[in-house]
Amino acid sequence: MNQMVRIENGFALAISFYIYIQLDFPIWLFFVLLLVPDITMIGYAINNKIGANIYNFGHSFILPILLALGYLYFSKDYLLIISIIWLSHIFMDRLFGFGLKYQDSFNKTHIQRI
C-alpha cells in the first residue's frame, strides 16, 4: 500500500509540474517556492501536538484548493501559481514518504514511520 501511495503522488507531482509549465508560469519561481510549505514545521519548536496540527494544516489539500478556487473567482494568476506549487510540494512530500504527522512523533506519518 505504501508503494502505491508513493507512486500515485509521484504521478501527481509530474502532472502538476507539467500543468505549471503549460501555463507558462516562471519555472524558477516553482523551484524557489517549492519548499516554502515546510515552514509549518516551526510548530514543533513548541511541542509535538502543536507541531503536528500546524504541519498537517499546511500539508493538507484544503488551502491550496481554496487558492485554486480563488483563482477561478478573481482570475489572479498568483493564486493559481501558489496553489499549484503548494500542491506539488504535498505530492513531493508524499512521494518521499513524508505524510501527515501523528501527534506523538514527527517521525510517524500516515504513510510510514520515518
Protein backbone atom coordinates (compact mmCIF):
# COMPACT_ATOMS: atom_id res chain seq x y z
CA MET A 1 0.00 0.00 0.00
CA ASN A 2 2.83 2.40 0.92
CA GLN A 3 4.40 1.88 -2.51
CA MET A 4 1.12 2.64 -4.31
CA VAL A 5 0.60 5.88 -2.37
CA ARG A 6 4.11 7.00 -3.24
CA ILE A 7 3.71 6.13 -6.94
CA GLU A 8 0.38 7.96 -7.13
CA ASN A 9 1.91 11.06 -5.62
CA GLY A 10 4.89 10.85 -7.97
CA PHE A 11 2.49 10.92 -10.93
CA ALA A 12 0.54 13.79 -9.37
CA LEU A 13 3.78 15.74 -8.87
CA ALA A 14 4.78 15.21 -12.51
CA ILE A 15 1.33 16.24 -13.75
CA SER A 16 1.20 19.35 -11.56
CA PHE A 17 4.65 20.41 -12.78
CA TYR A 18 3.57 19.79 -16.38
CA ILE A 19 0.44 21.91 -15.89
CA TYR A 20 2.53 24.66 -14.32
CA ILE A 21 4.88 24.68 -17.31
CA GLN A 22 1.99 24.59 -19.81
CA LEU A 23 0.51 27.69 -18.17
CA ASP A 24 3.82 29.44 -18.90
CA PHE A 25 4.50 30.38 -15.29
CA PRO A 26 8.14 31.08 -14.33
CA ILE A 27 9.94 27.78 -13.73
CA TRP A 28 12.48 29.44 -11.43
CA LEU A 29 9.61 30.54 -9.16
CA PHE A 30 8.38 26.96 -8.92
CA PHE A 31 11.70 25.78 -7.52
CA VAL A 32 12.16 28.82 -5.27
CA LEU A 33 8.76 28.32 -3.61
CA LEU A 34 8.60 24.51 -3.64
CA LEU A 35 9.88 24.07 -0.07
CA VAL A 36 8.07 27.07 1.47
CA PRO A 37 5.23 24.96 2.95
CA ASP A 38 7.82 23.28 5.19
CA ILE A 39 7.82 26.47 7.28
CA THR A 40 4.87 24.80 9.01
CA MET A 41 7.39 22.60 10.85
CA ILE A 42 8.03 25.62 13.10
CA GLY A 43 5.22 24.41 15.38
CA TYR A 44 7.44 21.55 16.51
CA ALA A 45 9.55 24.13 18.33
CA ILE A 46 6.66 24.37 20.81
CA ASN A 47 5.69 20.69 21.14
CA ASN A 48 4.68 17.64 19.10
CA LYS A 49 0.93 18.23 19.33
CA ILE A 50 1.02 21.84 18.14
CA GLY A 51 3.70 20.95 15.60
CA ALA A 52 1.62 18.13 14.11
CA ASN A 53 -1.51 20.28 13.93
CA ILE A 54 0.24 23.18 12.18
CA TYR A 55 2.23 20.88 9.90
CA ASN A 56 -0.87 18.89 8.92
CA PHE A 57 -2.85 22.07 8.24
CA GLY A 58 -0.11 23.25 5.89
CA HIS A 59 0.21 19.85 4.25
CA SER A 60 -3.44 19.11 3.63
CA PHE A 61 -5.12 19.85 0.32
CA ILE A 62 -7.61 22.33 1.81
CA LEU A 63 -5.71 25.62 1.49
CA PRO A 64 -4.20 25.07 -1.97
CA ILE A 65 -7.58 24.01 -3.33
CA LEU A 66 -9.18 27.11 -1.80
CA LEU A 67 -6.50 29.19 -3.54
CA ALA A 68 -7.32 27.49 -6.85
CA LEU A 69 -10.99 28.27 -6.31
CA GLY A 70 -9.99 31.85 -5.50
CA TYR A 71 -8.21 31.96 -8.85
CA LEU A 72 -11.39 30.85 -10.61
CA TYR A 73 -13.31 33.68 -8.94
CA PHE A 74 -10.74 36.50 -9.01
CA SER A 75 -8.67 35.48 -12.08
CA LYS A 76 -5.40 36.37 -10.35
CA ASP A 77 -2.54 34.25 -11.66
CA TYR A 78 -0.59 34.40 -8.40
CA LEU A 79 -3.37 32.42 -6.68
CA LEU A 80 -3.04 29.61 -9.22
CA ILE A 81 0.77 29.73 -9.11
CA ILE A 82 0.80 29.37 -5.33
CA SER A 83 -1.86 26.66 -5.46
CA ILE A 84 -0.02 24.51 -8.00
CA ILE A 85 3.33 24.87 -6.22
CA TRP A 86 1.75 24.09 -2.85
CA LEU A 87 0.00 21.02 -4.24
CA SER A 88 3.28 19.97 -5.87
CA HIS A 89 5.01 20.24 -2.51
CA ILE A 90 2.41 18.00 -0.89
CA PHE A 91 2.73 15.46 -3.72
CA MET A 92 6.54 15.58 -3.43
CA ASP A 93 6.44 15.03 0.33
CA ARG A 94 4.13 12.05 -0.04
CA LEU A 95 6.24 10.64 -2.86
CA PHE A 96 9.17 10.55 -0.44
CA GLY A 97 7.01 9.09 2.36
CA PHE A 98 6.53 12.27 4.38
CA GLY A 99 2.84 12.19 5.09
CA LEU A 100 0.60 13.87 7.60
CA LYS A 101 2.01 13.62 11.11
CA TYR A 102 0.66 11.90 14.18
CA GLN A 103 0.80 13.99 17.35
CA ASP A 104 3.06 11.67 19.32
CA SER A 105 6.07 11.87 16.99
CA PHE A 106 7.33 13.81 13.97
CA ASN A 107 8.57 10.51 12.56
CA LYS A 108 5.15 8.80 12.44
CA THR A 109 3.16 9.68 9.33
CA HIS A 110 0.01 8.39 7.74
CA ILE A 111 2.21 6.79 5.06
CA GLN A 112 5.04 5.28 7.07
CA ARG A 113 7.34 5.57 10.02
CA ILE A 114 10.34 7.69 9.00
